[in-house]
Structures are given as C-alpha cells and as structure tokens.
Amino acid sequence: MAKILLVEDDQILAKLYQTKFQREGMEIQLAYDGEEGFEKMKSYHPDVVILDLIMPKVDGFSFLAKVQADAELAGRKTPILVLSNLGQESDIKKAMDMGAKDFFIKADVSLSQMVEKVRKYL
C-alpha cells in the first residue's frame, strides 16, 4: 500500500485529501506544520510527500532545505510535490531548485487530479 505524507496547515483541506487518498487505497498521514511534517517524514518513510509552502513553525521552503541537509532523507530521494496557493514563477523555480519534483497550485488541481499526479510518482 502506498504511503503518502500530506504536510498542510489547513485542517479541513487536509481531511478532504485524507479521505480521498484512503478511498483510493492509499495510506496517508497528516502533518499540520513543517516541523511536524519533517519529523513524520523521518519516522513514517512515505513514498510521496505533498507539501504546502505557507505554514506555521517551518514553512515549505525551510522544510525542503531541511530535507536536503539531512543525509538520510536526501538519500531516500522521496518525491516531494508542492501544493500551494503561491503560483509566481519565482516561487515555483525556488521550490524546484530546492528539490521539489513537481508544483501544483491549489486552485488549479482537483482532488482526483492530485491522486493521479501522486500515482505518477509511485
């Protein structure tokens, strides 16, 4: 069973994603800030991470930097897909340069489309 980690501070949105991925036969854990997400990434060993950028404690860019700086996590090469309200070219480029495998703007992607995007990286 595929293991997904969703790092998203919007609890309502996170629960919607959780329900959708579970219905699609995937295991999913939630983290509501980047600090919790980083710890869960280390312990949960997800197959794919879906990451918001604007979050409390540790934002998405700092999360990506922490993953790159951690030899164990960087060595796993877990695909990190950014799902954000930020959509400026500079934000997309920065996230991709910091190791994100793909970037999606929340308003432009449905739950079903996100499931398909995740499947592509499994």
PDB file of N, CA and C in Angstrom:
ATOM      1  N   MET A   1       0.847  -1.183   0.000  1.00  0.00           N
ATOM      2  CA  MET A   1       0.000   0.000   0.000  1.00  0.00           C
ATOM      3  C   MET A   1       0.893   1.248   0.000  1.00  0.00           C
ATOM      4  N   ALA A   2       0.615   2.167  -0.904  1.00  0.00           N
ATOM      5  CA  ALA A   2       1.389   3.402  -0.999  1.00  0.00           C
ATOM      6  C   ALA A   2       1.190   4.253   0.249  1.00  0.00           C
ATOM      7  N   LYS A   3       2.279   4.853   0.718  1.00  0.00           N
ATOM      8  CA  LYS A   3       2.243   5.693   1.906  1.00  0.00           C
ATOM      9  C   LYS A   3       2.473   7.151   1.504  1.00  0.00           C
ATOM     10  N   ILE A   4       1.501   7.990   1.834  1.00  0.00           N
ATOM     11  CA  ILE A   4       1.540   9.405   1.478  1.00  0.00           C
ATOM     12  C   ILE A   4       1.642  10.223   2.768  1.00  0.00           C
ATOM     13  N   LEU A   5       2.450  11.261   2.741  1.00  0.00           N
ATOM     14  CA  LEU A   5       2.502  12.232   3.837  1.00  0.00           C
ATOM     15  C   LEU A   5       2.036  13.565   3.276  1.00  0.00           C
ATOM     16  N   LEU A   6       0.974  14.121   3.870  1.00  0.00           N
ATOM     17  CA  LEU A   6       0.467  15.437   3.476  1.00  0.00           C
ATOM     18  C   LEU A   6       0.840  16.428   4.564  1.00  0.00           C
ATOM     19  N   VAL A   7       1.613  17.443   4.208  1.00  0.00           N
ATOM     20  CA  VAL A   7       2.020  18.492   5.139  1.00  0.00           C
ATOM     21  C   VAL A   7       1.240  19.744   4.743  1.00  0.00           C
ATOM     22  N   GLU A   8       0.177  20.011   5.484  1.00  0.00           N
ATOM     23  CA  GLU A   8      -0.797  21.052   5.123  1.00  0.00           C
ATOM     24  C   GLU A   8      -1.422  21.615   6.402  1.00  0.00           C
ATOM     25  N   ASP A   9      -1.364  22.930   6.584  1.00  0.00           N
ATOM     26  CA  ASP A   9      -1.897  23.522   7.813  1.00  0.00           C
ATOM     27  C   ASP A   9      -3.407  23.741   7.789  1.00  0.00           C
ATOM     28  N   ASP A  10      -4.026  23.700   6.630  1.00  0.00           N
ATOM     29  CA  ASP A  10      -5.477  23.836   6.532  1.00  0.00           C
ATOM     30  C   ASP A  10      -6.090  22.475   6.861  1.00  0.00           C
ATOM     31  N   GLN A  11      -6.622  22.353   8.086  1.00  0.00           N
ATOM     32  CA  GLN A  11      -7.087  21.043   8.553  1.00  0.00           C
ATOM     33  C   GLN A  11      -8.282  20.519   7.755  1.00  0.00           C
ATOM     34  N   ILE A  12      -9.144  21.397   7.302  1.00  0.00           N
ATOM     35  CA  ILE A  12     -10.300  20.952   6.507  1.00  0.00           C
ATOM     36  C   ILE A  12      -9.827  20.377   5.174  1.00  0.00           C
ATOM     37  N   LEU A  13      -8.939  21.090   4.508  1.00  0.00           N
ATOM     38  CA  LEU A  13      -8.389  20.602   3.242  1.00  0.00           C
ATOM     39  C   LEU A  13      -7.625  19.294   3.457  1.00  0.00           C
ATOM     40  N   ALA A  14      -6.854  19.231   4.529  1.00  0.00           N
ATOM     41  CA  ALA A  14      -6.078  18.021   4.822  1.00  0.00           C
ATOM     42  C   ALA A  14      -6.993  16.818   5.010  1.00  0.00           C
ATOM     43  N   LYS A  15      -8.096  16.999   5.709  1.00  0.00           N
ATOM     44  CA  LYS A  15      -9.044  15.896   5.934  1.00  0.00           C
ATOM     45  C   LYS A  15      -9.698  15.456   4.625  1.00  0.00           C
ATOM     46  N   LEU A  16      -9.998  16.419   3.733  1.00  0.00           N
ATOM     47  CA  LEU A  16     -10.543  16.069   2.416  1.00  0.00           C
ATOM     48  C   LEU A  16      -9.564  15.195   1.634  1.00  0.00           C
ATOM     49  N   TYR A  17      -8.287  15.601   1.646  1.00  0.00           N
ATOM     50  CA  TYR A  17      -7.262  14.818   0.960  1.00  0.00           C
ATOM     51  C   TYR A  17      -7.111  13.442   1.601  1.00  0.00           C
ATOM     52  N   GLN A  18      -7.145  13.401   2.940  1.00  0.00           N
ATOM     53  CA  GLN A  18      -7.018  12.135   3.648  1.00  0.00           C
ATOM     54  C   GLN A  18      -8.121  11.162   3.217  1.00  0.00           C
ATOM     55  N   THR A  19      -9.353  11.644   3.210  1.00  0.00           N
ATOM     56  CA  THR A  19     -10.491  10.805   2.814  1.00  0.00           C
ATOM     57  C   THR A  19     -10.329  10.316   1.376  1.00  0.00           C
ATOM     58  N   LYS A  20      -9.960  11.212   0.467  1.00  0.00           N
ATOM     59  CA  LYS A  20      -9.814  10.846  -0.945  1.00  0.00           C
ATOM     60  C   LYS A  20      -8.721   9.798  -1.146  1.00  0.00           C
ATOM     61  N   PHE A  21      -7.556  10.007  -0.546  1.00  0.00           N
ATOM     62  CA  PHE A  21      -6.463   9.056  -0.733  1.00  0.00           C
ATOM     63  C   PHE A  21      -6.783   7.707  -0.102  1.00  0.00           C
ATOM     64  N   GLN A  22      -7.461   7.706   1.040  1.00  0.00           N
ATOM     65  CA  GLN A  22      -7.860   6.436   1.656  1.00  0.00           C
ATOM     66  C   GLN A  22      -8.845   5.689   0.766  1.00  0.00           C
ATOM     67  N   ARG A  23      -9.782   6.412   0.174  1.00  0.00           N
ATOM     68  CA  ARG A  23     -10.737   5.771  -0.746  1.00  0.00           C
ATOM     69  C   ARG A  23     -10.055   5.193  -1.973  1.00  0.00           C
ATOM     70  N   GLU A  24      -8.914   5.766  -2.328  1.00  0.00           N
ATOM     71  CA  GLU A  24      -8.144   5.289  -3.485  1.00  0.00           C
ATOM     72  C   GLU A  24      -7.175   4.173  -3.093  1.00  0.00           C
ATOM     73  N   GLY A  25      -7.273   3.707  -1.836  1.00  0.00           N
ATOM     74  CA  GLY A  25      -6.463   2.577  -1.397  1.00  0.00           C
ATOM     75  C   GLY A  25      -5.060   2.924  -0.948  1.00  0.00           C
ATOM     76  N   MET A  26      -4.845   4.178  -0.581  1.00  0.00           N
ATOM     77  CA  MET A  26      -3.526   4.593  -0.115  1.00  0.00           C
ATOM     78  C   MET A  26      -3.580   4.939   1.365  1.00  0.00           C
ATOM     79  N   GLU A  27      -2.454   4.705   2.008  1.00  0.00           N
ATOM     80  CA  GLU A  27      -2.311   5.086   3.412  1.00  0.00           C
ATOM     81  C   GLU A  27      -1.811   6.536   3.432  1.00  0.00           C
ATOM     82  N   ILE A  28      -2.365   7.354   4.307  1.00  0.00           N
ATOM     83  CA  ILE A  28      -1.953   8.759   4.349  1.00  0.00           C
ATOM     84  C   ILE A  28      -1.856   9.220   5.796  1.00  0.00           C
ATOM     85  N   GLN A  29      -0.784   9.940   6.087  1.00  0.00           N
ATOM     86  CA  GLN A  29      -0.631  10.592   7.376  1.00  0.00           C
ATOM     87  C   GLN A  29      -0.616  12.090   7.143  1.00  0.00           C
ATOM     88  N   LEU A  30      -1.118  12.822   8.136  1.00  0.00           N
ATOM     89  CA  LEU A  30      -1.201  14.273   8.046  1.00  0.00           C
ATOM     90  C   LEU A  30      -0.239  14.924   9.023  1.00  0.00           C
ATOM     91  N   ALA A  31       0.304  16.061   8.616  1.00  0.00           N
ATOM     92  CA  ALA A  31       1.093  16.933   9.490  1.00  0.00           C
ATOM     93  C   ALA A  31       0.602  18.346   9.233  1.00  0.00           C
ATOM     94  N   TYR A  32       0.384  19.100  10.306  1.00  0.00           N
ATOM     95  CA  TYR A  32      -0.230  20.421  10.165  1.00  0.00           C
ATOM     96  C   TYR A  32       0.755  21.584  10.191  1.00  0.00           C
ATOM     97  N   ASP A  33       2.040  21.290  10.262  1.00  0.00           N
ATOM     98  CA  ASP A  33       3.066  22.321  10.100  1.00  0.00           C
ATOM     99  C   ASP A  33       4.345  21.637   9.622  1.00  0.00           C
ATOM    100  N   GLY A  34       5.289  22.432   9.166  1.00  0.00           N
ATOM    101  CA  GLY A  34       6.502  21.870   8.590  1.00  0.00           C
ATOM    102  C   GLY A  34       7.369  21.120   9.585  1.00  0.00           C
ATOM    103  N   GLU A  35       7.344  21.539  10.823  1.00  0.00           N
ATOM    104  CA  GLU A  35       8.145  20.862  11.853  1.00  0.00           C
ATOM    105  C   GLU A  35       7.626  19.439  12.076  1.00  0.00           C
ATOM    106  N   GLU A  36       6.315  19.330  12.252  1.00  0.00           N
ATOM    107  CA  GLU A  36       5.690  18.016  12.421  1.00  0.00           C
ATOM    108  C   GLU A  36       5.887  17.170  11.158  1.00  0.00           C
ATOM    109  N   GLY A  37       5.774  17.807  10.001  1.00  0.00           N
ATOM    110  CA  GLY A  37       5.964  17.099   8.739  1.00  0.00           C
ATOM    111  C   GLY A  37       7.352  16.521   8.589  1.00  0.00           C
ATOM    112  N   PHE A  38       8.354  17.298   8.992  1.00  0.00           N
ATOM    113  CA  PHE A  38       9.742  16.830   8.899  1.00  0.00           C
ATOM    114  C   PHE A  38       9.945  15.605   9.786  1.00  0.00           C
ATOM    115  N   GLU A  39       9.422  15.655  11.019  1.00  0.00           N
ATOM    116  CA  GLU A  39       9.554  14.518  11.939  1.00  0.00           C
ATOM    117  C   GLU A  39       8.815  13.288  11.396  1.00  0.00           C
ATOM    118  N   LYS A  40       7.626  13.497  10.840  1.00  0.00           N
ATOM    119  CA  LYS A  40       6.875  12.362  10.277  1.00  0.00           C
ATOM    120  C   LYS A  40       7.564  11.801   9.040  1.00  0.00           C
ATOM    121  N   MET A  41       8.204  12.655   8.258  1.00  0.00           N
ATOM    122  CA  MET A  41       8.922  12.155   7.086  1.00  0.00           C
ATOM    123  C   MET A  41      10.048  11.213   7.523  1.00  0.00           C
ATOM    124  N   LYS A  42      10.697  11.548   8.617  1.00  0.00           N
ATOM    125  CA  LYS A  42      11.789  10.705   9.124  1.00  0.00           C
ATOM    126  C   LYS A  42      11.271   9.370   9.661  1.00  0.00           C
ATOM    127  N   SER A  43      10.131   9.391  10.363  1.00  0.00           N
ATOM    128  CA  SER A  43       9.654   8.178  11.030  1.00  0.00           C
ATOM    129  C   SER A  43       8.697   7.339  10.185  1.00  0.00           C
ATOM    130  N   TYR A  44       7.912   7.977   9.337  1.00  0.00           N
ATOM    131  CA  TYR A  44       6.860   7.301   8.578  1.00  0.00           C
ATOM    132  C   TYR A  44       7.383   6.677   7.278  1.00  0.00           C
ATOM    133  N   HIS A  45       8.456   7.212   6.722  1.00  0.00           N
ATOM    134  CA  HIS A  45       9.042   6.732   5.465  1.00  0.00           C
ATOM    135  C   HIS A  45       8.009   6.721   4.330  1.00  0.00           C
ATOM    136  N   PRO A  46       7.417   7.884   4.012  1.00  0.00           N
ATOM    137  CA  PRO A  46       6.403   7.922   2.951  1.00  0.00           C
ATOM    138  C   PRO A  46       7.008   7.661   1.574  1.00  0.00           C
ATOM    139  N   ASP A  47       6.143   7.214   0.671  1.00  0.00           N
ATOM    140  CA  ASP A  47       6.546   7.034  -0.724  1.00  0.00           C
ATOM    141  C   ASP A  47       6.498   8.352  -1.481  1.00  0.00           C
ATOM    142  N   VAL A  48       5.592   9.243  -1.071  1.00  0.00           N
ATOM    143  CA  VAL A  48       5.432  10.566  -1.671  1.00  0.00           C
ATOM    144  C   VAL A  48       5.041  11.544  -0.562  1.00  0.00           C
ATOM    145  N   VAL A  49       5.571  12.768  -0.653  1.00  0.00           N
ATOM    146  CA  VAL A  49       5.191  13.851   0.262  1.00  0.00           C
ATOM    147  C   VAL A  49       4.479  14.924  -0.545  1.00  0.00           C
ATOM    148  N   ILE A  50       3.332  15.383  -0.043  1.00  0.00           N
ATOM    149  CA  ILE A  50       2.637  16.532  -0.617  1.00  0.00           C
ATOM    150  C   ILE A  50       2.828  17.665   0.379  1.00  0.00           C
ATOM    151  N   LEU A  51       3.392  18.779  -0.084  1.00  0.00           N
ATOM    152  CA  LEU A  51       3.856  19.835   0.803  1.00  0.00           C
ATOM    153  C   LEU A  51       3.250  21.184   0.454  1.00  0.00           C
ATOM    154  N   ASP A  52       2.634  21.821   1.449  1.00  0.00           N
ATOM    155  CA  ASP A  52       2.209  23.215   1.316  1.00  0.00           C
ATOM    156  C   ASP A  52       3.438  24.091   1.577  1.00  0.00           C
ATOM    157  N   LEU A  53       3.415  25.322   1.123  1.00  0.00           N
ATOM    158  CA  LEU A  53       4.550  26.222   1.357  1.00  0.00           C
ATOM    159  C   LEU A  53       4.318  27.180   2.517  1.00  0.00           C
ATOM    160  N   ILE A  54       3.106  27.684   2.644  1.00  0.00           N
ATOM    161  CA  ILE A  54       2.828  28.669   3.685  1.00  0.00           C
ATOM    162  C   ILE A  54       2.228  27.938   4.886  1.00  0.00           C
ATOM    163  N   MET A  55       3.077  27.752   5.919  1.00  0.00           N
ATOM    164  CA  MET A  55       2.666  27.008   7.113  1.00  0.00           C
ATOM    165  C   MET A  55       3.337  27.598   8.343  1.00  0.00           C
ATOM    166  N   PRO A  56       2.767  27.308   9.515  1.00  0.00           N
ATOM    167  CA  PRO A  56       3.408  27.765  10.753  1.00  0.00           C
ATOM    168  C   PRO A  56       4.649  26.934  11.090  1.00  0.00           C
ATOM    169  N   LYS A  57       5.429  27.447  12.000  1.00  0.00           N
ATOM    170  CA  LYS A  57       6.653  26.839  12.548  1.00  0.00           C
ATOM    171  C   LYS A  57       7.754  26.715  11.505  1.00  0.00           C
ATOM    172  N   VAL A  58       7.587  25.829  10.542  1.00  0.00           N
ATOM    173  CA  VAL A  58       8.569  25.646   9.474  1.00  0.00           C
ATOM    174  C   VAL A  58       7.805  25.712   8.155  1.00  0.00           C
ATOM    175  N   ASP A  59       8.118  26.708   7.319  1.00  0.00           N
ATOM    176  CA  ASP A  59       7.409  26.818   6.043  1.00  0.00           C
ATOM    177  C   ASP A  59       7.943  25.781   5.052  1.00  0.00           C
ATOM    178  N   GLY A  60       7.281  25.695   3.909  1.00  0.00           N
ATOM    179  CA  GLY A  60       7.643  24.680   2.930  1.00  0.00           C
ATOM    180  C   GLY A  60       9.049  24.810   2.374  1.00  0.00           C
ATOM    181  N   PHE A  61       9.511  26.038   2.157  1.00  0.00           N
ATOM    182  CA  PHE A  61      10.872  26.227   1.650  1.00  0.00           C
ATOM    183  C   PHE A  61      11.896  25.768   2.688  1.00  0.00           C
ATOM    184  N   SER A  62      11.651  26.094   3.952  1.00  0.00           N
ATOM    185  CA  SER A  62      12.550  25.644   5.022  1.00  0.00           C
ATOM    186  C   SER A  62      12.506  24.130   5.168  1.00  0.00           C
ATOM    187  N   PHE A  63      11.317  23.548   4.988  1.00  0.00           N
ATOM    188  CA  PHE A  63      11.163  22.090   5.009  1.00  0.00           C
ATOM    189  C   PHE A  63      12.046  21.465   3.936  1.00  0.00           C
ATOM    190  N   LEU A  64      11.968  21.991   2.712  1.00  0.00           N
ATOM    191  CA  LEU A  64      12.783  21.463   1.616  1.00  0.00           C
ATOM    192  C   LEU A  64      14.269  21.582   1.937  1.00  0.00           C
ATOM    193  N   ALA A  65      14.673  22.707   2.533  1.00  0.00           N
ATOM    194  CA  ALA A  65      16.081  22.904   2.906  1.00  0.00           C
ATOM    195  C   ALA A  65      16.512  21.893   3.971  1.00  0.00           C
ATOM    196  N   LYS A  66      15.633  21.631   4.943  1.00  0.00           N
ATOM    197  CA  LYS A  66      15.951  20.662   5.996  1.00  0.00           C
ATOM    198  C   LYS A  66      16.085  19.253   5.420  1.00  0.00           C
ATOM    199  N   VAL A  67      15.237  18.902   4.468  1.00  0.00           N
ATOM    200  CA  VAL A  67      15.322  17.578   3.840  1.00  0.00           C
ATOM    201  C   VAL A  67      16.649  17.447   3.096  1.00  0.00           C
ATOM    202  N   GLN A  68      17.030  18.482   2.348  1.00  0.00           N
ATOM    203  CA  GLN A  68      18.288  18.437   1.599  1.00  0.00           C
ATOM    204  C   GLN A  68      19.488  18.330   2.530  1.00  0.00           C
ATOM    205  N   ALA A  69      19.392  18.961   3.697  1.00  0.00           N
ATOM    206  CA  ALA A  69      20.509  18.979   4.644  1.00  0.00           C
ATOM    207  C   ALA A  69      20.605  17.691   5.462  1.00  0.00           C
ATOM    208  N   ASP A  70      19.559  16.884   5.447  1.00  0.00           N
ATOM    209  CA  ASP A  70      19.528  15.644   6.216  1.00  0.00           C
ATOM    210  C   ASP A  70      19.985  14.498   5.309  1.00  0.00           C
ATOM    211  N   ALA A  71      21.134  13.925   5.600  1.00  0.00           N
ATOM    212  CA  ALA A  71      21.723  12.906   4.720  1.00  0.00           C
ATOM    213  C   ALA A  71      20.786  11.720   4.515  1.00  0.00           C
ATOM    214  N   GLU A  72      20.120  11.263   5.584  1.00  0.00           N
ATOM    215  CA  GLU A  72      19.227  10.110   5.474  1.00  0.00           C
ATOM    216  C   GLU A  72      18.051  10.419   4.557  1.00  0.00           C
ATOM    217  N   LEU A  73      17.387  11.565   4.784  1.00  0.00           N
ATOM    218  CA  LEU A  73      16.215  11.917   3.969  1.00  0.00           C
ATOM    219  C   LEU A  73      16.605  12.220   2.532  1.00  0.00           C
ATOM    220  N   ALA A  74      17.680  12.954   2.351  1.00  0.00           N
ATOM    221  CA  ALA A  74      18.127  13.279   0.997  1.00  0.00           C
ATOM    222  C   ALA A  74      18.475  12.001   0.236  1.00  0.00           C
ATOM    223  N   GLY A  75      19.028  11.026   0.932  1.00  0.00           N
ATOM    224  CA  GLY A  75      19.408   9.761   0.309  1.00  0.00           C
ATOM    225  C   GLY A  75      18.225   8.919  -0.123  1.00  0.00           C
ATOM    226  N   ARG A  76      17.089   9.095   0.538  1.00  0.00           N
ATOM    227  CA  ARG A  76      15.890   8.330   0.175  1.00  0.00           C
ATOM    228  C   ARG A  76      15.305   8.778  -1.161  1.00  0.00           C
ATOM    229  N   LYS A  77      15.522  10.026  -1.515  1.00  0.00           N
ATOM    230  CA  LYS A  77      15.006  10.593  -2.768  1.00  0.00           C
ATOM    231  C   LYS A  77      13.476  10.474  -2.884  1.00  0.00           C
ATOM    232  N   THR A  78      12.783  10.672  -1.760  1.00  0.00           N
ATOM    233  CA  THR A  78      11.330  10.647  -1.747  1.00  0.00           C
ATOM    234  C   THR A  78      10.795  11.813  -2.566  1.00  0.00           C
ATOM    235  N   PRO A  79       9.922  11.568  -3.536  1.00  0.00           N
ATOM    236  CA  PRO A  79       9.368  12.688  -4.309  1.00  0.00           C
ATOM    237  C   PRO A  79       8.543  13.610  -3.406  1.00  0.00           C
ATOM    238  N   ILE A  80       8.843  14.906  -3.493  1.00  0.00           N
ATOM    239  CA  ILE A  80       8.085  15.919  -2.762  1.00  0.00           C
ATOM    240  C   ILE A  80       7.344  16.762  -3.789  1.00  0.00           C
ATOM    241  N   LEU A  81       6.013  16.755  -3.684  1.00  0.00           N
ATOM    242  CA  LEU A  81       5.161  17.504  -4.598  1.00  0.00           C
ATOM    243  C   LEU A  81       4.608  18.711  -3.838  1.00  0.00           C
ATOM    244  N   VAL A  82       4.871  19.894  -4.333  1.00  0.00           N
ATOM    245  CA  VAL A  82       4.376  21.105  -3.686  1.00  0.00           C
ATOM    246  C   VAL A  82       2.953  21.373  -4.151  1.00  0.00           C
ATOM    247  N   LEU A  83       2.085  21.653  -3.188  1.00  0.00           N
ATOM    248  CA  LEU A  83       0.688  22.007  -3.439  1.00  0.00           C
ATOM    249  C   LEU A  83       0.442  23.301  -2.676  1.00  0.00           C
ATOM    250  N   SER A  84       0.382  24.425  -3.392  1.00  0.00           N
ATOM    251  CA  SER A  84       0.389  25.721  -2.725  1.00  0.00           C
ATOM    252  C   SER A  84      -0.547  26.719  -3.399  1.00  0.00           C
ATOM    253  N   ASN A  85      -0.873  27.756  -2.651  1.00  0.00           N
ATOM    254  CA  ASN A  85      -1.581  28.891  -3.238  1.00  0.00           C
ATOM    255  C   ASN A  85      -0.609  29.835  -3.932  1.00  0.00           C
ATOM    256  N   LEU A  86       0.675  29.710  -3.619  1.00  0.00           N
ATOM    257  CA  LEU A  86       1.683  30.523  -4.301  1.00  0.00           C
ATOM    258  C   LEU A  86       1.832  30.011  -5.724  1.00  0.00           C
ATOM    259  N   GLY A  87       1.875  30.929  -6.669  1.00  0.00           N
ATOM    260  CA  GLY A  87       1.979  30.481  -8.042  1.00  0.00           C
ATOM    261  C   GLY A  87       2.906  31.324  -8.894  1.00  0.00           C
ATOM    262  N   GLN A  88       3.644  32.226  -8.241  1.00  0.00           N
ATOM    263  CA  GLN A  88       4.572  33.062  -9.007  1.00  0.00           C
ATOM    264  C   GLN A  88       5.714  32.202  -9.533  1.00  0.00           C
ATOM    265  N   GLU A  89       6.188  32.538 -10.700  1.00  0.00           N
ATOM    266  CA  GLU A  89       7.268  31.791 -11.328  1.00  0.00           C
ATOM    267  C   GLU A  89       8.481  31.675 -10.407  1.00  0.00           C
ATOM    268  N   SER A  90       8.782  32.737  -9.646  1.00  0.00           N
ATOM    269  CA  SER A  90       9.937  32.696  -8.740  1.00  0.00           C
ATOM    270  C   SER A  90       9.741  31.668  -7.628  1.00  0.00           C
ATOM    271  N   ASP A  91       8.508  31.524  -7.117  1.00  0.00           N
ATOM    272  CA  ASP A  91       8.235  30.534  -6.076  1.00  0.00           C
ATOM    273  C   ASP A  91       8.344  29.111  -6.638  1.00  0.00           C
ATOM    274  N   ILE A  92       7.822  28.921  -7.837  1.00  0.00           N
ATOM    275  CA  ILE A  92       7.884  27.610  -8.473  1.00  0.00           C
ATOM    276  C   ILE A  92       9.340  27.217  -8.716  1.00  0.00           C
ATOM    277  N   LYS A  93      10.110  28.145  -9.272  1.00  0.00           N
ATOM    278  CA  LYS A  93      11.526  27.883  -9.557  1.00  0.00           C
ATOM    279  C   LYS A  93      12.285  27.581  -8.270  1.00  0.00           C
ATOM    280  N   LYS A  94      12.042  28.368  -7.235  1.00  0.00           N
ATOM    281  CA  LYS A  94      12.740  28.169  -5.965  1.00  0.00           C
ATOM    282  C   LYS A  94      12.437  26.779  -5.401  1.00  0.00           C
ATOM    283  N   ALA A  95      11.166  26.381  -5.393  1.00  0.00           N
ATOM    284  CA  ALA A  95      10.788  25.067  -4.857  1.00  0.00           C
ATOM    285  C   ALA A  95      11.437  23.942  -5.669  1.00  0.00           C
ATOM    286  N   MET A  96      11.423  24.074  -6.976  1.00  0.00           N
ATOM    287  CA  MET A  96      12.003  23.042  -7.833  1.00  0.00           C
ATOM    288  C   MET A  96      13.525  22.980  -7.640  1.00  0.00           C
ATOM    289  N   ASP A  97      14.160  24.136  -7.528  1.00  0.00           N
ATOM    290  CA  ASP A  97      15.600  24.174  -7.298  1.00  0.00           C
ATOM    291  C   ASP A  97      15.973  23.569  -5.945  1.00  0.00           C
ATOM    292  N   MET A  98      15.028  23.602  -5.006  1.00  0.00           N
ATOM    293  CA  MET A  98      15.285  23.073  -3.662  1.00  0.00           C
ATOM    294  C   MET A  98      14.900  21.593  -3.538  1.00  0.00           C
ATOM    295  N   GLY A  99      14.542  20.961  -4.637  1.00  0.00           N
ATOM    296  CA  GLY A  99      14.327  19.523  -4.610  1.00  0.00           C
ATOM    297  C   GLY A  99      12.910  19.041  -4.834  1.00  0.00           C
ATOM    298  N   ALA A 100      11.940  19.949  -4.939  1.00  0.00           N
ATOM    299  CA  ALA A 100      10.577  19.509  -5.232  1.00  0.00           C
ATOM    300  C   ALA A 100      10.553  18.869  -6.619  1.00  0.00           C
ATOM    301  N   LYS A 101       9.769  17.805  -6.761  1.00  0.00           N
ATOM    302  CA  LYS A 101       9.663  17.109  -8.051  1.00  0.00           C
ATOM    303  C   LYS A 101       8.587  17.702  -8.945  1.00  0.00           C
ATOM    304  N   ASP A 102       7.597  18.357  -8.328  1.00  0.00           N
ATOM    305  CA  ASP A 102       6.519  18.954  -9.104  1.00  0.00           C
ATOM    306  C   ASP A 102       5.875  20.046  -8.260  1.00  0.00           C
ATOM    307  N   PHE A 103       5.089  20.909  -8.905  1.00  0.00           N
ATOM    308  CA  PHE A 103       4.479  22.054  -8.234  1.00  0.00           C
ATOM    309  C   PHE A 103       3.065  22.217  -8.765  1.00  0.00           C
ATOM    310  N   PHE A 104       2.104  22.280  -7.851  1.00  0.00           N
ATOM    311  CA  PHE A 104       0.704  22.427  -8.223  1.00  0.00           C
ATOM    312  C   PHE A 104       0.096  23.581  -7.445  1.00  0.00           C
ATOM    313  N   ILE A 105      -0.726  24.359  -8.123  1.00  0.00           N
ATOM    314  CA  ILE A 105      -1.446  25.463  -7.487  1.00  0.00           C
ATOM    315  C   ILE A 105      -2.801  24.928  -7.048  1.00  0.00           C
ATOM    316  N   LYS A 106      -3.118  25.117  -5.776  1.00  0.00           N
ATOM    317  CA  LYS A 106      -4.325  24.517  -5.188  1.00  0.00           C
ATOM    318  C   LYS A 106      -5.579  24.794  -6.014  1.00  0.00           C
ATOM    319  N   ALA A 107      -5.738  26.000  -6.467  1.00  0.00           N
ATOM    320  CA  ALA A 107      -6.954  26.380  -7.197  1.00  0.00           C
ATOM    321  C   ALA A 107      -7.049  25.705  -8.563  1.00  0.00           C
ATOM    322  N   ASP A 108      -5.928  25.194  -9.056  1.00  0.00           N
ATOM    323  CA  ASP A 108      -5.889  24.642 -10.411  1.00  0.00           C
ATOM    324  C   ASP A 108      -5.921  23.117 -10.469  1.00  0.00           C
ATOM    325  N   VAL A 109      -5.965  22.449  -9.324  1.00  0.00           N
ATOM    326  CA  VAL A 109      -5.901  20.982  -9.332  1.00  0.00           C
ATOM    327  C   VAL A 109      -6.977  20.416  -8.400  1.00  0.00           C
ATOM    328  N   SER A 110      -7.719  19.426  -8.907  1.00  0.00           N
ATOM    329  CA  SER A 110      -8.768  18.787  -8.108  1.00  0.00           C
ATOM    330  C   SER A 110      -8.165  17.666  -7.265  1.00  0.00           C
ATOM    331  N   LEU A 111      -8.959  17.162  -6.336  1.00  0.00           N
ATOM    332  CA  LEU A 111      -8.519  16.021  -5.526  1.00  0.00           C
ATOM    333  C   LEU A 111      -8.181  14.828  -6.415  1.00  0.00           C
ATOM    334  N   SER A 112      -9.048  14.546  -7.373  1.00  0.00           N
ATOM    335  CA  SER A 112      -8.819  13.404  -8.269  1.00  0.00           C
ATOM    336  C   SER A 112      -7.555  13.591  -9.102  1.00  0.00           C
ATOM    337  N   GLN A 113      -7.328  14.815  -9.582  1.00  0.00           N
ATOM    338  CA  GLN A 113      -6.109  15.085 -10.348  1.00  0.00           C
ATOM    339  C   GLN A 113      -4.872  14.900  -9.485  1.00  0.00           C
ATOM    340  N   MET A 114      -4.971  15.299  -8.219  1.00  0.00           N
ATOM    341  CA  MET A 114      -3.819  15.161  -7.320  1.00  0.00           C
ATOM    342  C   MET A 114      -3.513  13.684  -7.059  1.00  0.00           C
ATOM    343  N   VAL A 115      -4.548  12.865  -6.938  1.00  0.00           N
ATOM    344  CA  VAL A 115      -4.335  11.422  -6.782  1.00  0.00           C
ATOM    345  C   VAL A 115      -3.580  10.884  -7.997  1.00  0.00           C
ATOM    346  N   GLU A 116      -3.992  11.289  -9.185  1.00  0.00           N
ATOM    347  CA  GLU A 116      -3.318  10.833 -10.408  1.00  0.00           C
ATOM    348  C   GLU A 116      -1.876  11.310 -10.459  1.00  0.00           C
ATOM    349  N   LYS A 117      -1.625  12.544 -10.029  1.00  0.00           N
ATOM    350  CA  LYS A 117      -0.252  13.064 -10.001  1.00  0.00           C
ATOM    351  C   LYS A 117       0.607  12.245  -9.046  1.00  0.00           C
ATOM    352  N   VAL A 118       0.048  11.912  -7.883  1.00  0.00           N
ATOM    353  CA  VAL A 118       0.783  11.109  -6.903  1.00  0.00           C
ATOM    354  C   VAL A 118       1.083   9.723  -7.485  1.00  0.00           C
ATOM    355  N   ARG A 119       0.098   9.125  -8.132  1.00  0.00           N
ATOM    356  CA  ARG A 119       0.305   7.787  -8.730  1.00  0.00           C
ATOM    357  C   ARG A 119       1.463   7.802  -9.728  1.00  0.00           C
ATOM    358  N   LYS A 120       1.616   8.898 -10.440  1.00  0.00           N
ATOM    359  CA  LYS A 120       2.686   9.039 -11.417  1.00  0.00           C
ATOM    360  C   LYS A 120       4.068   8.899 -10.747  1.00  0.00           C
ATOM    361  N   TYR A 121       4.156   9.313  -9.470  1.00  0.00           N
ATOM    362  CA  TYR A 121       5.453   9.278  -8.776  1.00  0.00           C
ATOM    363  C   TYR A 121       5.663   8.023  -7.942  1.00  0.00           C
ATOM    364  N   LEU A 122       4.665   7.156  -7.888  1.00  0.00           N
ATOM    365  CA  LEU A 122       4.813   5.916  -7.110  1.00  0.00           C
ATOM    366  C   LEU A 122       5.557   4.850  -7.909  1.00  0.00           C
TER     367      LEU A 122
END
